[in-house]
Amino acid sequence: MLETEVTYTLEFGGKLYIIEHVLARVCRETGEQALLPRSSSASRR
């Protein structure tokens, strides 16, 4: 897993939010993303 910044999209209340520069771990083989806890809680504010 590679720790890097990604762009995260979130649909909430019928609106689409695009959040850039979110820290995540990304699998080099599959591209699967796992947001780091610090980043995911900050995006909910």
N, C-alpha and C. Protein backbone atom coordinates (compact mmCIF):
# COMPACT_ATOMS: atom_id res chain seq x y z
N MET A 1 0.85 -1.18 0.00
CA MET A 1 0.00 0.00 0.00
C MET A 1 0.89 1.24 0.00
N LEU A 2 0.50 2.19 -0.81
CA LEU A 2 1.22 3.44 -0.95
C LEU A 2 0.39 4.55 -0.31
N GLU A 3 0.99 5.34 0.56
CA GLU A 3 0.28 6.45 1.19
C GLU A 3 0.45 7.69 0.31
N THR A 4 -0.66 8.26 -0.12
CA THR A 4 -0.63 9.38 -1.04
C THR A 4 -1.89 10.23 -0.89
N GLU A 5 -1.98 11.31 -1.63
CA GLU A 5 -3.17 12.14 -1.64
C GLU A 5 -4.06 11.74 -2.81
N VAL A 6 -5.37 11.70 -2.58
CA VAL A 6 -6.33 11.34 -3.61
C VAL A 6 -7.45 12.38 -3.64
N THR A 7 -8.30 12.29 -4.65
CA THR A 7 -9.51 13.09 -4.73
C THR A 7 -10.67 12.19 -4.34
N TYR A 8 -11.50 12.65 -3.42
CA TYR A 8 -12.59 11.86 -2.85
C TYR A 8 -13.90 12.53 -3.23
N THR A 9 -14.85 11.74 -3.72
CA THR A 9 -16.17 12.29 -4.04
C THR A 9 -17.19 11.75 -3.04
N LEU A 10 -18.13 12.59 -2.70
CA LEU A 10 -19.14 12.25 -1.69
C LEU A 10 -20.47 12.82 -2.13
N GLU A 11 -21.51 11.98 -2.14
CA GLU A 11 -22.85 12.47 -2.42
C GLU A 11 -23.60 12.55 -1.11
N PHE A 12 -24.17 13.73 -0.83
CA PHE A 12 -24.87 13.95 0.43
C PHE A 12 -26.00 14.95 0.19
N GLY A 13 -27.18 14.58 0.59
CA GLY A 13 -28.32 15.47 0.44
C GLY A 13 -28.61 15.84 -1.00
N GLY A 14 -28.36 14.91 -1.91
CA GLY A 14 -28.62 15.17 -3.32
C GLY A 14 -27.57 16.03 -4.00
N LYS A 15 -26.50 16.36 -3.31
CA LYS A 15 -25.42 17.16 -3.89
C LYS A 15 -24.14 16.34 -3.93
N LEU A 16 -23.31 16.64 -4.91
CA LEU A 16 -22.04 15.96 -5.07
C LEU A 16 -20.92 16.88 -4.60
N TYR A 17 -20.09 16.38 -3.71
CA TYR A 17 -18.96 17.13 -3.18
C TYR A 17 -17.67 16.47 -3.65
N ILE A 18 -16.73 17.25 -4.10
CA ILE A 18 -15.42 16.76 -4.53
C ILE A 18 -14.39 17.32 -3.56
N ILE A 19 -13.68 16.43 -2.89
CA ILE A 19 -12.70 16.83 -1.89
C ILE A 19 -11.32 16.41 -2.38
N GLU A 20 -10.45 17.38 -2.57
CA GLU A 20 -9.11 17.10 -3.08
C GLU A 20 -8.09 17.03 -1.95
N HIS A 21 -6.98 16.38 -2.22
CA HIS A 21 -5.84 16.28 -1.31
C HIS A 21 -6.18 15.54 -0.02
N VAL A 22 -6.88 14.42 -0.15
CA VAL A 22 -7.24 13.59 1.00
C VAL A 22 -6.19 12.50 1.14
N LEU A 23 -5.63 12.34 2.34
CA LEU A 23 -4.63 11.29 2.55
C LEU A 23 -5.30 9.92 2.54
N ALA A 24 -4.70 9.00 1.81
CA ALA A 24 -5.24 7.65 1.71
C ALA A 24 -4.11 6.66 1.44
N ARG A 25 -4.40 5.41 1.73
CA ARG A 25 -3.50 4.33 1.33
C ARG A 25 -4.10 3.70 0.07
N VAL A 26 -3.28 3.54 -0.96
CA VAL A 26 -3.73 3.04 -2.24
C VAL A 26 -2.97 1.77 -2.59
N CYS A 27 -3.71 0.71 -2.93
CA CYS A 27 -3.11 -0.55 -3.32
C CYS A 27 -2.47 -0.39 -4.70
N ARG A 28 -1.22 -0.75 -4.82
CA ARG A 28 -0.51 -0.60 -6.10
C ARG A 28 -1.05 -1.55 -7.17
N GLU A 29 -1.58 -2.69 -6.76
CA GLU A 29 -2.07 -3.67 -7.73
C GLU A 29 -3.49 -3.38 -8.19
N THR A 30 -4.39 -3.02 -7.28
CA THR A 30 -5.80 -2.88 -7.63
C THR A 30 -6.30 -1.44 -7.68
N GLY A 31 -5.55 -0.50 -7.08
CA GLY A 31 -5.99 0.89 -7.04
C GLY A 31 -7.01 1.17 -5.95
N GLU A 32 -7.32 0.15 -5.14
CA GLU A 32 -8.29 0.33 -4.05
C GLU A 32 -7.76 1.37 -3.07
N GLN A 33 -8.67 2.26 -2.61
CA GLN A 33 -8.27 3.35 -1.72
C GLN A 33 -8.85 3.13 -0.33
N ALA A 34 -8.05 3.37 0.69
CA ALA A 34 -8.49 3.33 2.09
C ALA A 34 -8.14 4.68 2.70
N LEU A 35 -9.18 5.48 2.99
CA LEU A 35 -8.93 6.80 3.58
C LEU A 35 -8.37 6.64 4.97
N LEU A 36 -7.43 7.50 5.31
CA LEU A 36 -6.86 7.49 6.65
C LEU A 36 -7.86 8.14 7.61
N PRO A 37 -8.00 7.63 8.81
CA PRO A 37 -9.03 8.13 9.76
C PRO A 37 -8.99 9.64 9.98
N ARG A 38 -7.82 10.21 10.08
CA ARG A 38 -7.70 11.65 10.31
C ARG A 38 -8.33 12.42 9.14
N SER A 39 -8.14 11.95 7.91
CA SER A 39 -8.67 12.63 6.74
C SER A 39 -10.18 12.48 6.61
N SER A 40 -10.67 11.28 6.84
CA SER A 40 -12.10 11.04 6.65
C SER A 40 -12.95 11.79 7.65
N SER A 41 -12.48 11.95 8.90
CA SER A 41 -13.27 12.70 9.89
C SER A 41 -13.21 14.19 9.59
N ALA A 42 -12.12 14.68 9.05
CA ALA A 42 -12.00 16.10 8.73
C ALA A 42 -12.92 16.47 7.57
N SER A 43 -13.16 15.54 6.64
CA SER A 43 -14.00 15.85 5.49
C SER A 43 -15.47 15.93 5.87
N ARG A 44 -15.87 15.41 7.00
CA ARG A 44 -17.27 15.44 7.42
C ARG A 44 -17.66 16.74 8.11
N ARG A 45 -16.71 17.62 8.37
CA ARG A 45 -16.99 18.88 9.08
C ARG A 45 -17.63 19.90 8.18
